[in-house]
């Protein structure tokens, strides 16, 4: 598997409400799930407040490093919805009312018998030259410029927008994963597991501790883009578990002083 076949992504979640705790983010996990299915590696997530310079700085860092950047939040009708302005500044283009977005929103508010106010017109603003991301939930579009995908923060809308774009993205080979139940805690397996990981550098081995109220165990998850690599690492993990089991059984027999398990 060549590095060129792997696509990478980052997410920039925007909003003072995320940093204050007033809003609990639901979009990061959803994006991670969808990108994993698509074979795109989510490598970094940043959260910034409603500050233009902070958004521009984070966006410039992420879009230069990863194939795709996804943003959430800050494209609504209020004064602190400044994502469109910040993205425009990052790309060095004007932020202006998009004619097609103005038409879509104008028609929607007319159907609802509501005034298309100046505040509502803010949702039609985007960088010059940006392409729409359709919004089947509430009409106001997101937009794409360069490798940056700008979407709403409301989870239902974010998910609908993501559905509209992710299938069109060139993706890499999908990650294969295999879970292995380990009856021992991380303290028992940590050193040996590190050795297994070192022998299988083309895999990622995750360790997730469990507690059932009486004893600790660990779920081990092997991930790679090559099935043979997953199988080889899994075989070594199973051998590791068998060796630890044998060692603990021997210790118990020694403690009993009978040479046999009671």
Protein backbone atom coordinates (compact mmCIF):
# COMPACT_ATOMS: atom_id res chain seq x y z
CA UNK A 1 0.00 0.00 0.00
CA UNK A 2 1.60 3.26 -1.08
CA UNK A 3 1.30 6.50 0.84
CA UNK A 4 -0.15 8.13 -2.29
CA UNK A 5 -3.23 5.92 -2.00
CA UNK A 6 -4.08 7.29 1.44
CA UNK A 7 -6.28 10.39 1.67
CA UNK A 8 -6.18 12.50 4.83
CA UNK A 9 -8.60 14.94 6.38
CA UNK A 10 -8.95 17.39 9.26
CA UNK A 11 -11.92 19.01 10.95
CA UNK A 12 -12.26 22.55 12.24
CA UNK A 13 -15.21 22.97 14.62
CA UNK A 14 -16.11 26.63 15.10
CA UNK A 15 -18.06 28.31 17.86
CA UNK A 16 -17.71 29.92 21.27
CA UNK A 17 -20.52 27.67 22.47
CA UNK A 18 -18.34 24.59 21.95
CA UNK A 19 -15.51 25.99 24.06
CA UNK A 20 -17.83 27.19 26.84
CA UNK A 21 -19.61 23.85 27.06
CA UNK A 22 -23.04 25.25 26.23
CA UNK A 23 -23.11 23.01 23.16
CA UNK A 24 -21.84 19.45 23.16
CA UNK A 25 -20.31 18.62 19.79
CA UNK A 26 -21.91 15.74 17.89
CA UNK A 27 -20.33 16.38 14.51
CA UNK A 28 -16.77 15.19 15.16
CA UNK A 29 -17.78 11.61 15.87
CA UNK A 30 -20.13 11.49 12.90
CA UNK A 31 -17.47 12.81 10.54
CA UNK A 32 -14.94 10.30 11.89
CA UNK A 33 -17.38 7.42 11.30
CA UNK A 34 -18.20 8.53 7.76
CA UNK A 35 -14.57 9.11 6.77
CA UNK A 36 -13.53 5.72 8.10
CA UNK A 37 -16.16 4.05 5.93
CA UNK A 38 -14.97 6.10 2.95
CA UNK A 39 -11.33 5.13 3.46
CA UNK A 40 -10.20 8.65 4.42
CA UNK A 41 -8.01 9.13 7.50
CA UNK A 42 -9.18 11.82 9.91
CA UNK A 43 -5.82 12.98 11.28
CA UNK A 44 -6.59 16.12 13.29
CA UNK A 45 -9.49 18.02 14.88
CA UNK A 46 -9.34 21.61 16.14
CA UNK A 47 -11.95 23.68 17.94
CA UNK A 48 -11.79 27.48 17.79
CA UNK A 49 -14.08 30.25 18.92
CA UNK A 50 -15.83 32.89 16.86
CA UNK A 51 -12.67 34.89 16.19
CA UNK A 52 -11.75 35.60 12.59
CA UNK A 53 -7.98 35.51 13.03
CA UNK A 54 -8.14 32.23 14.96
CA UNK A 55 -10.28 30.64 12.25
CA UNK A 56 -7.99 31.87 9.47
CA UNK A 57 -4.86 30.65 11.26
CA UNK A 58 -6.31 27.20 11.96
CA UNK A 59 -7.72 26.87 8.47
CA UNK A 60 -4.44 27.82 6.78
CA UNK A 61 -2.56 25.27 8.88
CA UNK A 62 -5.00 22.45 8.17
CA UNK A 63 -5.67 23.00 4.47
CA UNK A 64 -1.97 23.04 3.65
CA UNK A 65 -1.35 19.77 5.47
CA UNK A 66 -4.33 17.52 4.61
CA UNK A 67 -6.22 16.52 1.48
CA UNK A 68 -9.59 17.62 2.84
CA UNK A 69 -10.74 20.01 5.54
CA UNK A 70 -14.27 20.02 6.93
CA UNK A 71 -15.60 22.88 9.04
CA UNK A 72 -18.73 23.04 11.14
CA UNK A 73 -20.50 26.08 12.53
CA UNK A 74 -20.59 29.81 12.01
CA UNK A 75 -22.62 30.10 8.79
CA UNK A 76 -25.94 31.19 10.32
CA UNK A 77 -27.72 34.58 10.32
CA UNK A 78 -26.30 36.25 13.43
CA UNK A 79 -23.46 38.71 13.91
CA UNK A 80 -21.12 36.07 15.35
CA UNK A 81 -21.51 33.78 12.32
CA UNK A 82 -18.24 34.80 10.72
CA UNK A 83 -16.99 31.59 9.12
CA UNK A 84 -17.72 32.76 5.56
CA UNK A 85 -15.74 35.95 6.20
CA UNK A 86 -12.82 34.05 7.71
CA UNK A 87 -12.67 31.47 4.91
CA UNK A 88 -12.76 34.26 2.33
CA UNK A 89 -9.89 35.99 4.10
CA UNK A 90 -7.89 32.76 4.21
CA UNK A 91 -8.27 32.35 0.44
CA UNK A 92 -7.79 36.03 -0.32
CA UNK A 93 -11.12 36.51 -2.12
CA UNK A 94 -14.17 38.70 -1.40
CA UNK A 95 -17.03 37.40 0.74
CA UNK A 96 -20.23 38.24 -1.08
CA UNK A 97 -23.89 37.31 -1.44
CA UNK A 98 -24.05 34.38 -3.84
CA UNK A 99 -26.78 34.90 -6.45
CA UNK A 100 -27.98 31.30 -6.48
CA UNK A 101 -27.99 31.11 -2.69
CA UNK A 102 -29.99 34.37 -2.55
CA UNK A 103 -32.53 32.90 -4.94
CA UNK A 104 -32.87 29.62 -3.05
CA UNK A 105 -33.31 31.33 0.28
CA UNK A 106 -35.60 34.03 -1.09
CA UNK A 107 -37.92 31.42 -2.59
CA UNK A 108 -37.90 29.37 0.60
CA UNK A 109 -38.85 32.31 2.82
CA UNK A 110 -41.50 33.38 0.35
CA UNK A 111 -43.09 29.92 0.50
CA UNK A 112 -43.10 30.15 4.29
CA UNK A 113 -44.59 33.64 4.25
CA UNK A 114 -41.58 35.11 6.03
CA UNK A 115 -39.58 38.24 5.27
CA UNK A 116 -36.17 37.66 3.71
CA UNK A 117 -34.44 39.96 6.16
CA UNK A 118 -30.90 41.27 6.03
CA UNK A 119 -29.95 38.83 8.79
CA UNK A 120 -31.32 35.88 6.82
CA UNK A 121 -29.51 37.08 3.72
CA UNK A 122 -26.23 36.61 5.62
CA UNK A 123 -26.70 32.86 5.08
CA UNK A 124 -26.22 33.45 1.33
CA UNK A 125 -22.73 34.91 1.81
CA UNK A 126 -19.71 32.89 0.73
CA UNK A 127 -16.28 33.37 -0.86
CA UNK A 128 -16.32 34.39 -4.50
CA UNK A 129 -15.97 31.30 -6.69
CA UNK A 130 -17.16 28.84 -4.03
CA UNK A 131 -19.40 25.90 -4.98
CA UNK A 132 -22.56 25.03 -3.11
CA UNK A 133 -23.05 22.15 -0.71
CA UNK A 134 -26.80 21.45 -0.86
CA UNK A 135 -28.85 21.64 2.32
CA UNK A 136 -32.00 19.49 2.06
CA UNK A 137 -32.94 20.27 5.66
CA UNK A 138 -33.10 24.07 5.85
CA UNK A 139 -32.08 25.26 2.35
CA UNK A 140 -29.16 27.57 3.29
CA UNK A 141 -26.20 26.00 1.46
CA UNK A 142 -22.73 25.24 2.70
CA UNK A 143 -19.88 25.75 0.29
CA UNK A 144 -16.62 24.33 -1.03
CA UNK A 145 -13.54 26.33 -1.90
CA UNK A 146 -10.26 24.64 -2.65
CA UNK A 147 -10.04 21.59 -0.41
CA UNK A 148 -12.21 23.16 2.32
CA UNK A 149 -15.80 22.04 2.90
CA UNK A 150 -17.77 24.52 4.98
CA UNK A 151 -20.89 23.16 6.67
CA UNK A 152 -23.44 24.07 9.31
CA UNK A 153 -22.98 23.32 12.98
CA UNK A 154 -26.50 22.00 13.60
CA UNK A 155 -25.96 18.21 13.61
CA UNK A 156 -28.95 17.32 11.42
CA UNK A 157 -27.86 19.85 8.80
CA UNK A 158 -24.17 18.93 9.08
CA UNK A 159 -24.98 15.29 8.48
CA UNK A 160 -27.16 16.06 5.46
CA UNK A 161 -24.47 18.26 3.94
CA UNK A 162 -21.79 15.64 4.57
CA UNK A 163 -23.94 13.01 2.85
CA UNK A 164 -24.08 15.29 -0.17
CA UNK A 165 -20.31 15.59 -0.56
CA UNK A 166 -18.54 12.57 0.87
CA UNK A 167 -19.52 10.10 -1.84
CA UNK A 168 -17.96 12.38 -4.46
CA UNK A 169 -14.57 12.62 -2.75
CA UNK A 170 -11.71 10.55 -4.16
CA UNK A 171 -10.95 8.17 -1.31
CA UNK A 172 -8.16 5.78 -0.49
CA UNK A 173 -8.14 2.12 0.37
CA UNK A 174 -10.46 1.35 3.25
CA UNK A 175 -9.17 0.38 6.66
CA UNK A 176 -9.73 -3.21 7.78
CA UNK A 177 -10.16 -3.79 11.51
CA UNK A 178 -10.30 -6.85 13.74
CA UNK A 179 -11.25 -6.91 17.42
CA UNK A 180 -9.70 -9.38 19.86
CA UNK A 181 -10.98 -9.90 23.41
CA UNK A 182 -8.13 -10.06 25.89
CA UNK A 183 -8.91 -11.31 29.42
CA UNK A 184 -6.07 -9.29 30.95
CA UNK A 185 -5.76 -5.62 31.90
CA UNK A 186 -3.41 -3.18 30.23
CA UNK A 187 -0.92 -3.50 33.09
CA UNK A 188 -0.39 -7.15 32.18
CA UNK A 189 -0.08 -6.71 28.43
CA UNK A 190 1.40 -3.24 27.92
CA UNK A 191 5.05 -4.16 27.38
CA UNK A 192 4.34 -7.26 25.29
CA UNK A 193 1.75 -5.42 23.19
CA UNK A 194 4.28 -2.69 22.43
CA UNK A 195 6.55 -5.42 21.14
CA UNK A 196 3.82 -6.75 18.85
CA UNK A 197 3.20 -3.25 17.51
CA UNK A 198 6.90 -2.81 16.79
CA UNK A 199 6.97 -6.05 14.78
CA UNK A 200 3.92 -4.93 12.75
CA UNK A 201 4.56 -1.25 11.89
CA UNK A 202 2.05 -1.30 9.02
CA UNK A 203 -0.78 -1.80 11.50
CA UNK A 204 -2.30 0.32 14.24
CA UNK A 205 -3.13 -1.60 17.41
CA UNK A 206 -5.59 0.06 19.77
CA UNK A 207 -5.99 -0.94 23.42
CA UNK A 208 -9.34 -0.25 25.13
CA UNK A 209 -9.65 -1.17 28.82
CA UNK A 210 -12.87 -2.75 30.11
CA UNK A 211 -14.16 -3.28 33.66
CA UNK A 212 -17.15 -5.48 34.47
CA UNK A 213 -17.34 -4.58 38.12
CA UNK A 214 -15.04 -7.39 39.22
CA UNK A 215 -12.05 -7.57 36.94
CA UNK A 216 -10.26 -5.67 34.19
CA UNK A 217 -9.94 -6.88 30.63
CA UNK A 218 -8.95 -5.24 27.36
CA UNK A 219 -10.39 -5.03 23.87
CA UNK A 220 -7.59 -4.99 21.31
CA UNK A 221 -8.30 -3.68 17.84
CA UNK A 222 -5.92 -4.18 14.91
CA UNK A 223 -6.31 -1.81 11.97
CA UNK A 224 -4.57 -1.75 8.60
CA UNK A 225 -5.32 -1.40 4.92
CA UNK A 226 -3.94 -4.84 4.13
CA UNK A 227 -5.79 -7.97 5.29
CA UNK A 228 -2.61 -10.03 5.54
CA UNK A 229 -1.05 -7.43 7.84
CA UNK A 230 -4.13 -7.50 10.08
CA UNK A 231 -4.08 -11.30 10.21
CA UNK A 232 -0.37 -11.44 11.04
CA UNK A 233 -0.66 -8.94 13.89
CA UNK A 234 -3.80 -10.65 15.22
CA UNK A 235 -1.99 -14.01 15.25
CA UNK A 236 0.84 -12.54 17.32
CA UNK A 237 -1.65 -10.96 19.72
CA UNK A 238 -3.40 -14.30 20.21
CA UNK A 239 -0.02 -15.92 20.83
CA UNK A 240 0.76 -13.19 23.36
CA UNK A 241 -2.51 -13.84 25.19
CA UNK A 242 -1.82 -17.59 25.22
CA UNK A 243 1.67 -17.01 26.64
CA UNK A 244 0.37 -14.75 29.41
CA UNK A 245 -2.35 -17.28 30.23
CA UNK A 246 0.22 -20.09 30.46
CA UNK A 247 2.49 -18.00 32.66
CA UNK A 248 -0.32 -17.09 35.05
CA UNK A 249 -1.48 -20.70 35.22
CA UNK A 250 2.06 -21.76 36.08
CA UNK A 251 2.27 -19.11 38.81
CA UNK A 252 -1.01 -20.33 40.30
CA UNK A 253 0.23 -23.93 40.35
CA UNK A 254 3.42 -22.80 42.03
CA UNK A 255 1.47 -20.85 44.65
CA UNK A 256 -0.70 -23.89 45.39
CA UNK A 257 2.44 -25.96 45.83
CA UNK A 258 0.78 -29.05 44.31
CA UNK A 259 1.98 -28.85 40.76
CA UNK A 260 -1.61 -29.01 39.65
CA UNK A 261 -4.50 -26.62 39.37
CA UNK A 262 -7.05 -27.20 42.10
